[in-house]
mmCIF file of all heavy atoms, coordinates in Angstrom:
data_MODEL
# 
_entry.id   MODEL 
# 
loop_
_atom_site.group_PDB 
_atom_site.id 
_atom_site.type_symbol 
_atom_site.label_atom_id 
_atom_site.label_alt_id 
_atom_site.label_comp_id 
_atom_site.label_asym_id 
_atom_site.label_entity_id 
_atom_site.label_seq_id 
_atom_site.pdbx_PDB_ins_code 
_atom_site.Cartn_x 
_atom_site.Cartn_y 
_atom_site.Cartn_z 
_atom_site.occupancy 
_atom_site.B_iso_or_equiv 
_atom_site.pdbx_formal_charge 
_atom_site.auth_seq_id 
_atom_site.auth_comp_id 
_atom_site.auth_asym_id 
_atom_site.auth_atom_id 
_atom_site.pdbx_PDB_model_num 
ATOM 1   N N   . LYS A 1 1  ? 12.321 15.619 -9.443 1.00 0.00 ? 1  LYS A N   1 
ATOM 2   C CA  . LYS A 1 1  ? 11.339 16.121 -8.494 1.00 0.00 ? 1  LYS A CA  1 
ATOM 3   C C   . LYS A 1 1  ? 11.896 17.317 -7.731 1.00 0.00 ? 1  LYS A C   1 
ATOM 4   O O   . LYS A 1 1  ? 13.108 17.532 -7.662 1.00 0.00 ? 1  LYS A O   1 
ATOM 5   C CB  . LYS A 1 1  ? 10.938 15.027 -7.505 1.00 0.00 ? 1  LYS A CB  1 
ATOM 6   C CG  . LYS A 1 1  ? 10.229 13.840 -8.130 1.00 0.00 ? 1  LYS A CG  1 
ATOM 7   C CD  . LYS A 1 1  ? 9.782  12.850 -7.073 1.00 0.00 ? 1  LYS A CD  1 
ATOM 8   C CE  . LYS A 1 1  ? 9.029  11.696 -7.678 1.00 0.00 ? 1  LYS A CE  1 
ATOM 9   N NZ  . LYS A 1 1  ? 8.583  10.729 -6.634 1.00 0.00 ? 1  LYS A NZ  1 
ATOM 10  N N   . GLN A 1 2  ? 10.983 18.082 -7.138 1.00 0.00 ? 2  GLN A N   1 
ATOM 11  C CA  . GLN A 1 2  ? 11.376 19.195 -6.289 1.00 0.00 ? 2  GLN A CA  1 
ATOM 12  C C   . GLN A 1 2  ? 11.802 18.687 -4.914 1.00 0.00 ? 2  GLN A C   1 
ATOM 13  O O   . GLN A 1 2  ? 11.439 17.580 -4.496 1.00 0.00 ? 2  GLN A O   1 
ATOM 14  C CB  . GLN A 1 2  ? 10.224 20.192 -6.147 1.00 0.00 ? 2  GLN A CB  1 
ATOM 15  C CG  . GLN A 1 2  ? 9.859  20.923 -7.432 1.00 0.00 ? 2  GLN A CG  1 
ATOM 16  C CD  . GLN A 1 2  ? 8.781  21.955 -7.209 1.00 0.00 ? 2  GLN A CD  1 
ATOM 17  O OE1 . GLN A 1 2  ? 7.864  21.759 -6.416 1.00 0.00 ? 2  GLN A OE1 1 
ATOM 18  N NE2 . GLN A 1 2  ? 8.892  23.075 -7.910 1.00 0.00 ? 2  GLN A NE2 1 
ATOM 19  N N   . ARG A 1 3  ? 12.568 19.506 -4.220 1.00 0.00 ? 3  ARG A N   1 
ATOM 20  C CA  . ARG A 1 3  ? 12.972 19.164 -2.878 1.00 0.00 ? 3  ARG A CA  1 
ATOM 21  C C   . ARG A 1 3  ? 11.741 19.047 -1.984 1.00 0.00 ? 3  ARG A C   1 
ATOM 22  O O   . ARG A 1 3  ? 10.878 19.924 -1.980 1.00 0.00 ? 3  ARG A O   1 
ATOM 23  C CB  . ARG A 1 3  ? 13.942 20.203 -2.332 1.00 0.00 ? 3  ARG A CB  1 
ATOM 24  C CG  . ARG A 1 3  ? 14.567 19.832 -0.994 1.00 0.00 ? 3  ARG A CG  1 
ATOM 25  C CD  . ARG A 1 3  ? 15.597 20.854 -0.545 1.00 0.00 ? 3  ARG A CD  1 
ATOM 26  N NE  . ARG A 1 3  ? 16.706 20.976 -1.487 1.00 0.00 ? 3  ARG A NE  1 
ATOM 27  C CZ  . ARG A 1 3  ? 17.811 21.676 -1.255 1.00 0.00 ? 3  ARG A CZ  1 
ATOM 28  N NH1 . ARG A 1 3  ? 17.961 22.310 -0.105 1.00 0.00 ? 3  ARG A NH1 1 
ATOM 29  N NH2 . ARG A 1 3  ? 18.752 21.739 -2.183 1.00 0.00 ? 3  ARG A NH2 1 
ATOM 30  N N   . ALA A 1 4  ? 11.644 17.952 -1.242 1.00 0.00 ? 4  ALA A N   1 
ATOM 31  C CA  . ALA A 1 4  ? 10.474 17.665 -0.426 1.00 0.00 ? 4  ALA A CA  1 
ATOM 32  C C   . ALA A 1 4  ? 10.877 17.444 1.031  1.00 0.00 ? 4  ALA A C   1 
ATOM 33  O O   . ALA A 1 4  ? 11.898 16.819 1.312  1.00 0.00 ? 4  ALA A O   1 
ATOM 34  C CB  . ALA A 1 4  ? 9.742  16.429 -0.953 1.00 0.00 ? 4  ALA A CB  1 
ATOM 35  N N   . TRP A 1 5  ? 10.041 17.913 1.917  1.00 0.00 ? 5  TRP A N   1 
ATOM 36  C CA  . TRP A 1 5  ? 10.258 17.727 3.337  1.00 0.00 ? 5  TRP A CA  1 
ATOM 37  C C   . TRP A 1 5  ? 10.064 16.260 3.731  1.00 0.00 ? 5  TRP A C   1 
ATOM 38  O O   . TRP A 1 5  ? 9.162  15.589 3.236  1.00 0.00 ? 5  TRP A O   1 
ATOM 39  C CB  . TRP A 1 5  ? 9.297  18.612 4.131  1.00 0.00 ? 5  TRP A CB  1 
ATOM 40  C CG  . TRP A 1 5  ? 9.295  18.329 5.597  1.00 0.00 ? 5  TRP A CG  1 
ATOM 41  C CD1 . TRP A 1 5  ? 10.230 18.686 6.517  1.00 0.00 ? 5  TRP A CD1 1 
ATOM 42  C CD2 . TRP A 1 5  ? 8.279  17.616 6.306  1.00 0.00 ? 5  TRP A CD2 1 
ATOM 43  N NE1 . TRP A 1 5  ? 9.871  18.239 7.760  1.00 0.00 ? 5  TRP A NE1 1 
ATOM 44  C CE2 . TRP A 1 5  ? 8.679  17.584 7.660  1.00 0.00 ? 5  TRP A CE2 1 
ATOM 45  C CE3 . TRP A 1 5  ? 7.080  17.010 5.926  1.00 0.00 ? 5  TRP A CE3 1 
ATOM 46  C CZ2 . TRP A 1 5  ? 7.918  16.958 8.638  1.00 0.00 ? 5  TRP A CZ2 1 
ATOM 47  C CZ3 . TRP A 1 5  ? 6.314  16.393 6.896  1.00 0.00 ? 5  TRP A CZ3 1 
ATOM 48  C CH2 . TRP A 1 5  ? 6.740  16.368 8.237  1.00 0.00 ? 5  TRP A CH2 1 
ATOM 49  N N   . VAL A 1 6  ? 10.893 15.782 4.638  1.00 0.00 ? 6  VAL A N   1 
ATOM 50  C CA  . VAL A 1 6  ? 10.848 14.393 5.073  1.00 0.00 ? 6  VAL A CA  1 
ATOM 51  C C   . VAL A 1 6  ? 10.512 14.278 6.557  1.00 0.00 ? 6  VAL A C   1 
ATOM 52  O O   . VAL A 1 6  ? 9.602  13.538 6.938  1.00 0.00 ? 6  VAL A O   1 
ATOM 53  C CB  . VAL A 1 6  ? 12.182 13.681 4.792  1.00 0.00 ? 6  VAL A CB  1 
ATOM 54  C CG1 . VAL A 1 6  ? 12.178 12.266 5.362  1.00 0.00 ? 6  VAL A CG1 1 
ATOM 55  C CG2 . VAL A 1 6  ? 12.455 13.653 3.296  1.00 0.00 ? 6  VAL A CG2 1 
ATOM 56  N N   . ALA A 1 7  ? 11.264 14.966 7.416  1.00 0.00 ? 7  ALA A N   1 
ATOM 57  C CA  . ALA A 1 7  ? 11.084 14.795 8.858  1.00 0.00 ? 7  ALA A CA  1 
ATOM 58  C C   . ALA A 1 7  ? 11.668 15.977 9.607  1.00 0.00 ? 7  ALA A C   1 
ATOM 59  O O   . ALA A 1 7  ? 12.608 16.625 9.135  1.00 0.00 ? 7  ALA A O   1 
ATOM 60  C CB  . ALA A 1 7  ? 11.740 13.499 9.343  1.00 0.00 ? 7  ALA A CB  1 
ATOM 61  N N   . THR A 1 8  ? 11.117 16.238 10.803 1.00 0.00 ? 8  THR A N   1 
ATOM 62  C CA  . THR A 1 8  ? 11.566 17.331 11.652 1.00 0.00 ? 8  THR A CA  1 
ATOM 63  C C   . THR A 1 8  ? 11.487 16.913 13.110 1.00 0.00 ? 8  THR A C   1 
ATOM 64  O O   . THR A 1 8  ? 10.555 16.195 13.510 1.00 0.00 ? 8  THR A O   1 
ATOM 65  C CB  . THR A 1 8  ? 10.690 18.588 11.455 1.00 0.00 ? 8  THR A CB  1 
ATOM 66  O OG1 . THR A 1 8  ? 10.781 19.042 10.105 1.00 0.00 ? 8  THR A OG1 1 
ATOM 67  C CG2 . THR A 1 8  ? 11.127 19.718 12.387 1.00 0.00 ? 8  THR A CG2 1 
ATOM 68  N N   . LYS A 1 9  ? 12.439 17.367 13.898 1.00 0.00 ? 9  LYS A N   1 
ATOM 69  C CA  . LYS A 1 9  ? 12.396 17.176 15.343 1.00 0.00 ? 9  LYS A CA  1 
ATOM 70  C C   . LYS A 1 9  ? 12.934 18.422 16.017 1.00 0.00 ? 9  LYS A C   1 
ATOM 71  O O   . LYS A 1 9  ? 13.987 18.924 15.651 1.00 0.00 ? 9  LYS A O   1 
ATOM 72  C CB  . LYS A 1 9  ? 13.194 15.947 15.771 1.00 0.00 ? 9  LYS A CB  1 
ATOM 73  C CG  . LYS A 1 9  ? 12.887 15.487 17.192 1.00 0.00 ? 9  LYS A CG  1 
ATOM 74  C CD  . LYS A 1 9  ? 13.536 14.149 17.493 1.00 0.00 ? 9  LYS A CD  1 
ATOM 75  C CE  . LYS A 1 9  ? 13.153 13.642 18.875 1.00 0.00 ? 9  LYS A CE  1 
ATOM 76  N NZ  . LYS A 1 9  ? 11.720 13.244 18.929 1.00 0.00 ? 9  LYS A NZ  1 
ATOM 77  N N   . THR A 1 10 ? 12.200 18.913 17.018 1.00 0.00 ? 10 THR A N   1 
ATOM 78  C CA  . THR A 1 10 ? 12.589 20.122 17.718 1.00 0.00 ? 10 THR A CA  1 
ATOM 79  C C   . THR A 1 10 ? 13.338 19.796 19.008 1.00 0.00 ? 10 THR A C   1 
ATOM 80  O O   . THR A 1 10 ? 13.315 18.666 19.498 1.00 0.00 ? 10 THR A O   1 
ATOM 81  C CB  . THR A 1 10 ? 11.367 20.988 18.074 1.00 0.00 ? 10 THR A CB  1 
ATOM 82  O OG1 . THR A 1 10 ? 10.603 20.342 19.106 1.00 0.00 ? 10 THR A OG1 1 
ATOM 83  C CG2 . THR A 1 10 ? 10.478 21.217 16.858 1.00 0.00 ? 10 THR A CG2 1 
ATOM 84  N N   . THR A 1 11 ? 13.991 20.816 19.567 1.00 0.00 ? 11 THR A N   1 
ATOM 85  C CA  . THR A 1 11 ? 14.663 20.640 20.854 1.00 0.00 ? 11 THR A CA  1 
ATOM 86  C C   . THR A 1 11 ? 13.668 20.284 21.944 1.00 0.00 ? 11 THR A C   1 
ATOM 87  O O   . THR A 1 11 ? 14.032 19.640 22.931 1.00 0.00 ? 11 THR A O   1 
ATOM 88  C CB  . THR A 1 11 ? 15.419 21.916 21.257 1.00 0.00 ? 11 THR A CB  1 
ATOM 89  O OG1 . THR A 1 11 ? 14.581 23.062 21.073 1.00 0.00 ? 11 THR A OG1 1 
ATOM 90  C CG2 . THR A 1 11 ? 16.677 22.078 20.413 1.00 0.00 ? 11 THR A CG2 1 
ATOM 91  N N   . GLY A 1 12 ? 12.414 20.718 21.792 1.00 0.00 ? 12 GLY A N   1 
ATOM 92  C CA  . GLY A 1 12 ? 11.382 20.405 22.758 1.00 0.00 ? 12 GLY A CA  1 
ATOM 93  C C   . GLY A 1 12 ? 10.794 19.023 22.635 1.00 0.00 ? 12 GLY A C   1 
ATOM 94  O O   . GLY A 1 12 ? 9.937  18.638 23.449 1.00 0.00 ? 12 GLY A O   1 
ATOM 95  N N   . GLY A 1 13 ? 11.198 18.273 21.624 1.00 0.00 ? 13 GLY A N   1 
ATOM 96  C CA  . GLY A 1 13 ? 10.765 16.898 21.481 1.00 0.00 ? 13 GLY A CA  1 
ATOM 97  C C   . GLY A 1 13 ? 9.631  16.658 20.502 1.00 0.00 ? 13 GLY A C   1 
ATOM 98  O O   . GLY A 1 13 ? 9.194  15.512 20.334 1.00 0.00 ? 13 GLY A O   1 
ATOM 99  N N   . LEU A 1 14 ? 9.146  17.706 19.840 1.00 0.00 ? 14 LEU A N   1 
ATOM 100 C CA  . LEU A 1 14 ? 8.101  17.513 18.838 1.00 0.00 ? 14 LEU A CA  1 
ATOM 101 C C   . LEU A 1 14 ? 8.684  16.839 17.609 1.00 0.00 ? 14 LEU A C   1 
ATOM 102 O O   . LEU A 1 14 ? 9.747  17.225 17.122 1.00 0.00 ? 14 LEU A O   1 
ATOM 103 C CB  . LEU A 1 14 ? 7.461  18.844 18.456 1.00 0.00 ? 14 LEU A CB  1 
ATOM 104 C CG  . LEU A 1 14 ? 6.717  19.584 19.569 1.00 0.00 ? 14 LEU A CG  1 
ATOM 105 C CD1 . LEU A 1 14 ? 6.177  20.904 19.044 1.00 0.00 ? 14 LEU A CD1 1 
ATOM 106 C CD2 . LEU A 1 14 ? 5.589  18.738 20.118 1.00 0.00 ? 14 LEU A CD2 1 
ATOM 107 N N   . THR A 1 15 ? 7.973  15.852 17.102 1.00 0.00 ? 15 THR A N   1 
ATOM 108 C CA  . THR A 1 15 ? 8.423  15.065 15.956 1.00 0.00 ? 15 THR A CA  1 
ATOM 109 C C   . THR A 1 15 ? 7.353  15.018 14.890 1.00 0.00 ? 15 THR A C   1 
ATOM 110 O O   . THR A 1 15 ? 6.179  14.792 15.187 1.00 0.00 ? 15 THR A O   1 
ATOM 111 C CB  . THR A 1 15 ? 8.780  13.635 16.389 1.00 0.00 ? 15 THR A CB  1 
ATOM 112 O OG1 . THR A 1 15 ? 9.810  13.668 17.379 1.00 0.00 ? 15 THR A OG1 1 
ATOM 113 C CG2 . THR A 1 15 ? 9.252  12.819 15.194 1.00 0.00 ? 15 THR A CG2 1 
ATOM 114 N N   . HIS A 1 16 ? 7.767  15.227 13.644 1.00 0.00 ? 16 HIS A N   1 
ATOM 115 C CA  . HIS A 1 16 ? 6.854  15.124 12.509 1.00 0.00 ? 16 HIS A CA  1 
ATOM 116 C C   . HIS A 1 16 ? 7.551  14.371 11.389 1.00 0.00 ? 16 HIS A C   1 
ATOM 117 O O   . HIS A 1 16 ? 8.701  14.650 11.066 1.00 0.00 ? 16 HIS A O   1 
ATOM 118 C CB  . HIS A 1 16 ? 6.412  16.511 12.025 1.00 0.00 ? 16 HIS A CB  1 
ATOM 119 C CG  . HIS A 1 16 ? 5.700  17.313 13.060 1.00 0.00 ? 16 HIS A CG  1 
ATOM 120 N ND1 . HIS A 1 16 ? 4.363  17.114 13.355 1.00 0.00 ? 16 HIS A ND1 1 
ATOM 121 C CD2 . HIS A 1 16 ? 6.127  18.303 13.879 1.00 0.00 ? 16 HIS A CD2 1 
ATOM 122 C CE1 . HIS A 1 16 ? 4.000  17.954 14.304 1.00 0.00 ? 16 HIS A CE1 1 
ATOM 123 N NE2 . HIS A 1 16 ? 5.047  18.686 14.645 1.00 0.00 ? 16 HIS A NE2 1 
ATOM 124 N N   . ILE A 1 17 ? 6.825  13.426 10.811 1.00 0.00 ? 17 ILE A N   1 
ATOM 125 C CA  . ILE A 1 17 ? 7.320  12.610 9.715  1.00 0.00 ? 17 ILE A CA  1 
ATOM 126 C C   . ILE A 1 17 ? 6.356  12.744 8.548  1.00 0.00 ? 17 ILE A C   1 
ATOM 127 O O   . ILE A 1 17 ? 5.137  12.699 8.735  1.00 0.00 ? 17 ILE A O   1 
ATOM 128 C CB  . ILE A 1 17 ? 7.443  11.129 10.120 1.00 0.00 ? 17 ILE A CB  1 
ATOM 129 C CG1 . ILE A 1 17 ? 8.290  10.970 11.379 1.00 0.00 ? 17 ILE A CG1 1 
ATOM 130 C CG2 . ILE A 1 17 ? 8.028  10.315 8.981  1.00 0.00 ? 17 ILE A CG2 1 
ATOM 131 C CD1 . ILE A 1 17 ? 9.744  11.297 11.187 1.00 0.00 ? 17 ILE A CD1 1 
ATOM 132 N N   . ALA A 1 18 ? 6.880  12.878 7.350  1.00 0.00 ? 18 ALA A N   1 
ATOM 133 C CA  . ALA A 1 18 ? 6.028  12.960 6.174  1.00 0.00 ? 18 ALA A CA  1 
ATOM 134 C C   . ALA A 1 18 ? 5.205  11.690 6.017  1.00 0.00 ? 18 ALA A C   1 
ATOM 135 O O   . ALA A 1 18 ? 5.696  10.580 6.263  1.00 0.00 ? 18 ALA A O   1 
ATOM 136 C CB  . ALA A 1 18 ? 6.872  13.202 4.926  1.00 0.00 ? 18 ALA A CB  1 
ATOM 137 N N   . ASP A 1 19 ? 3.951  11.862 5.597  1.00 0.00 ? 19 ASP A N   1 
ATOM 138 C CA  . ASP A 1 19 ? 3.063  10.712 5.437  1.00 0.00 ? 19 ASP A CA  1 
ATOM 139 C C   . ASP A 1 19 ? 3.644  9.665  4.492  1.00 0.00 ? 19 ASP A C   1 
ATOM 140 O O   . ASP A 1 19 ? 3.430  8.462  4.679  1.00 0.00 ? 19 ASP A O   1 
ATOM 141 C CB  . ASP A 1 19 ? 1.699  11.168 4.919  1.00 0.00 ? 19 ASP A CB  1 
ATOM 142 C CG  . ASP A 1 19 ? 0.912  11.949 5.942  1.00 0.00 ? 19 ASP A CG  1 
ATOM 143 O OD1 . ASP A 1 19 ? 1.226  11.863 7.147  1.00 0.00 ? 19 ASP A OD1 1 
ATOM 144 O OD2 . ASP A 1 19 ? -0.050 12.645 5.537  1.00 0.00 ? 19 ASP A OD2 1 
ATOM 145 N N   . SER A 1 20 ? 4.366  10.119 3.494  1.00 0.00 ? 20 SER A N   1 
ATOM 146 C CA  . SER A 1 20 ? 4.878  9.205  2.483  1.00 0.00 ? 20 SER A CA  1 
ATOM 147 C C   . SER A 1 20 ? 5.923  8.238  3.019  1.00 0.00 ? 20 SER A C   1 
ATOM 148 O O   . SER A 1 20 ? 6.171  7.198  2.392  1.00 0.00 ? 20 SER A O   1 
ATOM 149 C CB  . SER A 1 20 ? 5.467  10.002 1.311  1.00 0.00 ? 20 SER A CB  1 
ATOM 150 O OG  . SER A 1 20 ? 6.526  10.828 1.744  1.00 0.00 ? 20 SER A OG  1 
ATOM 151 N N   . VAL A 1 21 ? 6.538  8.554  4.148  1.00 0.00 ? 21 VAL A N   1 
ATOM 152 C CA  . VAL A 1 21 ? 7.603  7.701  4.686  1.00 0.00 ? 21 VAL A CA  1 
ATOM 153 C C   . VAL A 1 21 ? 7.321  7.221  6.094  1.00 0.00 ? 21 VAL A C   1 
ATOM 154 O O   . VAL A 1 21 ? 8.141  6.493  6.674  1.00 0.00 ? 21 VAL A O   1 
ATOM 155 C CB  . VAL A 1 21 ? 8.971  8.417  4.639  1.00 0.00 ? 21 VAL A CB  1 
ATOM 156 C CG1 . VAL A 1 21 ? 9.351  8.764  3.207  1.00 0.00 ? 21 VAL A CG1 1 
ATOM 157 C CG2 . VAL A 1 21 ? 8.963  9.669  5.508  1.00 0.00 ? 21 VAL A CG2 1 
ATOM 158 N N   . THR A 1 22 ? 6.189  7.597  6.661  1.00 0.00 ? 22 THR A N   1 
ATOM 159 C CA  . THR A 1 22 ? 5.832  7.153  8.006  1.00 0.00 ? 22 THR A CA  1 
ATOM 160 C C   . THR A 1 22 ? 5.821  5.631  8.074  1.00 0.00 ? 22 THR A C   1 
ATOM 161 O O   . THR A 1 22 ? 5.272  4.959  7.207  1.00 0.00 ? 22 THR A O   1 
ATOM 162 C CB  . THR A 1 22 ? 4.465  7.705  8.423  1.00 0.00 ? 22 THR A CB  1 
ATOM 163 O OG1 . THR A 1 22 ? 4.542  9.129  8.562  1.00 0.00 ? 22 THR A OG1 1 
ATOM 164 C CG2 . THR A 1 22 ? 4.015  7.111  9.746  1.00 0.00 ? 22 THR A CG2 1 
ATOM 165 N N   . GLY A 1 23 ? 6.432  5.097  9.122  1.00 0.00 ? 23 GLY A N   1 
ATOM 166 C CA  . GLY A 1 23 ? 6.519  3.656  9.289  1.00 0.00 ? 23 GLY A CA  1 
ATOM 167 C C   . GLY A 1 23 ? 7.853  3.091  8.864  1.00 0.00 ? 23 GLY A C   1 
ATOM 168 O O   . GLY A 1 23 ? 8.227  2.006  9.328  1.00 0.00 ? 23 GLY A O   1 
ATOM 169 N N   . ARG A 1 24 ? 8.561  3.785  7.997  1.00 0.00 ? 24 ARG A N   1 
ATOM 170 C CA  . ARG A 1 24 ? 9.878  3.337  7.551  1.00 0.00 ? 24 ARG A CA  1 
ATOM 171 C C   . ARG A 1 24 ? 10.997 4.251  8.029  1.00 0.00 ? 24 ARG A C   1 
ATOM 172 O O   . ARG A 1 24 ? 12.125 3.798  8.187  1.00 0.00 ? 24 ARG A O   1 
ATOM 173 C CB  . ARG A 1 24 ? 9.937  3.239  6.023  1.00 0.00 ? 24 ARG A CB  1 
ATOM 174 C CG  . ARG A 1 24 ? 8.984  2.221  5.434  1.00 0.00 ? 24 ARG A CG  1 
ATOM 175 C CD  . ARG A 1 24 ? 9.298  1.960  3.965  1.00 0.00 ? 24 ARG A CD  1 
ATOM 176 N NE  . ARG A 1 24 ? 9.184  3.177  3.156  1.00 0.00 ? 24 ARG A NE  1 
ATOM 177 C CZ  . ARG A 1 24 ? 10.193 3.770  2.528  1.00 0.00 ? 24 ARG A CZ  1 
ATOM 178 N NH1 . ARG A 1 24 ? 11.420 3.256  2.602  1.00 0.00 ? 24 ARG A NH1 1 
ATOM 179 N NH2 . ARG A 1 24 ? 9.987  4.858  1.806  1.00 0.00 ? 24 ARG A NH2 1 
ATOM 180 N N   . PHE A 1 25 ? 10.697 5.525  8.233  1.00 0.00 ? 25 PHE A N   1 
ATOM 181 C CA  . PHE A 1 25 ? 11.699 6.514  8.626  1.00 0.00 ? 25 PHE A CA  1 
ATOM 182 C C   . PHE A 1 25 ? 11.516 6.887  10.090 1.00 0.00 ? 25 PHE A C   1 
ATOM 183 O O   . PHE A 1 25 ? 10.388 7.060  10.568 1.00 0.00 ? 25 PHE A O   1 
ATOM 184 C CB  . PHE A 1 25 ? 11.573 7.787  7.777  1.00 0.00 ? 25 PHE A CB  1 
ATOM 185 C CG  . PHE A 1 25 ? 12.066 7.673  6.364  1.00 0.00 ? 25 PHE A CG  1 
ATOM 186 C CD1 . PHE A 1 25 ? 11.986 6.483  5.659  1.00 0.00 ? 25 PHE A CD1 1 
ATOM 187 C CD2 . PHE A 1 25 ? 12.616 8.782  5.744  1.00 0.00 ? 25 PHE A CD2 1 
ATOM 188 C CE1 . PHE A 1 25 ? 12.432 6.388  4.352  1.00 0.00 ? 25 PHE A CE1 1 
ATOM 189 C CE2 . PHE A 1 25 ? 13.066 8.701  4.434  1.00 0.00 ? 25 PHE A CE2 1 
ATOM 190 C CZ  . PHE A 1 25 ? 12.975 7.505  3.740  1.00 0.00 ? 25 PHE A CZ  1 
ATOM 191 N N   . THR A 1 26 ? 12.618 7.041  10.800 1.00 0.00 ? 26 THR A N   1 
ATOM 192 C CA  . THR A 1 26 ? 12.610 7.470  12.183 1.00 0.00 ? 26 THR A CA  1 
ATOM 193 C C   . THR A 1 26 ? 13.631 8.585  12.364 1.00 0.00 ? 26 THR A C   1 
ATOM 194 O O   . THR A 1 26 ? 14.771 8.456  11.922 1.00 0.00 ? 26 THR A O   1 
ATOM 195 C CB  . THR A 1 26 ? 12.945 6.316  13.131 1.00 0.00 ? 26 THR A CB  1 
ATOM 196 O OG1 . THR A 1 26 ? 12.006 5.249  12.953 1.00 0.00 ? 26 THR A OG1 1 
ATOM 197 C CG2 . THR A 1 26 ? 12.881 6.785  14.585 1.00 0.00 ? 26 THR A CG2 1 
ATOM 198 N N   . ILE A 1 27 ? 13.222 9.661  13.018 1.00 0.00 ? 27 ILE A N   1 
ATOM 199 C CA  . ILE A 1 27 ? 14.125 10.776 13.282 1.00 0.00 ? 27 ILE A CA  1 
ATOM 200 C C   . ILE A 1 27 ? 14.422 10.840 14.771 1.00 0.00 ? 27 ILE A C   1 
ATOM 201 O O   . ILE A 1 27 ? 13.558 10.610 15.617 1.00 0.00 ? 27 ILE A O   1 
ATOM 202 C CB  . ILE A 1 27 ? 13.542 12.113 12.768 1.00 0.00 ? 27 ILE A CB  1 
ATOM 203 C CG1 . ILE A 1 27 ? 14.584 13.226 12.875 1.00 0.00 ? 27 ILE A CG1 1 
ATOM 204 C CG2 . ILE A 1 27 ? 12.256 12.479 13.503 1.00 0.00 ? 27 ILE A CG2 1 
ATOM 205 C CD1 . ILE A 1 27 ? 14.169 14.508 12.161 1.00 0.00 ? 27 ILE A CD1 1 
ATOM 206 N N   . SER A 1 28 ? 15.662 11.139 15.092 1.00 0.00 ? 28 SER A N   1 
ATOM 207 C CA  . SER A 1 28 ? 16.086 11.303 16.477 1.00 0.00 ? 28 SER A CA  1 
ATOM 208 C C   . SER A 1 28 ? 17.119 12.418 16.544 1.00 0.00 ? 28 SER A C   1 
ATOM 209 O O   . SER A 1 28 ? 17.699 12.801 15.519 1.00 0.00 ? 28 SER A O   1 
ATOM 210 C CB  . SER A 1 28 ? 16.657 10.001 17.040 1.00 0.00 ? 28 SER A CB  1 
ATOM 211 O OG  . SER A 1 28 ? 17.808 9.594  16.317 1.00 0.00 ? 28 SER A OG  1 
ATOM 212 N N   . ARG A 1 29 ? 17.355 12.941 17.736 1.00 0.00 ? 29 ARG A N   1 
ATOM 213 C CA  . ARG A 1 29 ? 18.368 13.976 17.873 1.00 0.00 ? 29 ARG A CA  1 
ATOM 214 C C   . ARG A 1 29 ? 18.958 13.984 19.272 1.00 0.00 ? 29 ARG A C   1 
ATOM 215 O O   . ARG A 1 29 ? 18.356 13.470 20.224 1.00 0.00 ? 29 ARG A O   1 
ATOM 216 C CB  . ARG A 1 29 ? 17.795 15.357 17.517 1.00 0.00 ? 29 ARG A CB  1 
ATOM 217 C CG  . ARG A 1 29 ? 16.701 15.871 18.444 1.00 0.00 ? 29 ARG A CG  1 
ATOM 218 C CD  . ARG A 1 29 ? 16.269 17.286 18.027 1.00 0.00 ? 29 ARG A CD  1 
ATOM 219 N NE  . ARG A 1 29 ? 17.326 18.257 18.269 1.00 0.00 ? 29 ARG A NE  1 
ATOM 220 C CZ  . ARG A 1 29 ? 17.353 19.491 17.759 1.00 0.00 ? 29 ARG A CZ  1 
ATOM 221 N NH1 . ARG A 1 29 ? 16.384 19.897 16.957 1.00 0.00 ? 29 ARG A NH1 1 
ATOM 222 N NH2 . ARG A 1 29 ? 18.363 20.312 18.045 1.00 0.00 ? 29 ARG A NH2 1 
# 
């Protein structure tokens, strides 16, 4: 498969999780 985006978190606190892994993956920084 091609490289796929999973999750992102900004210094300002915005968080985005890919639909395919939402509920199982958590991002923090």
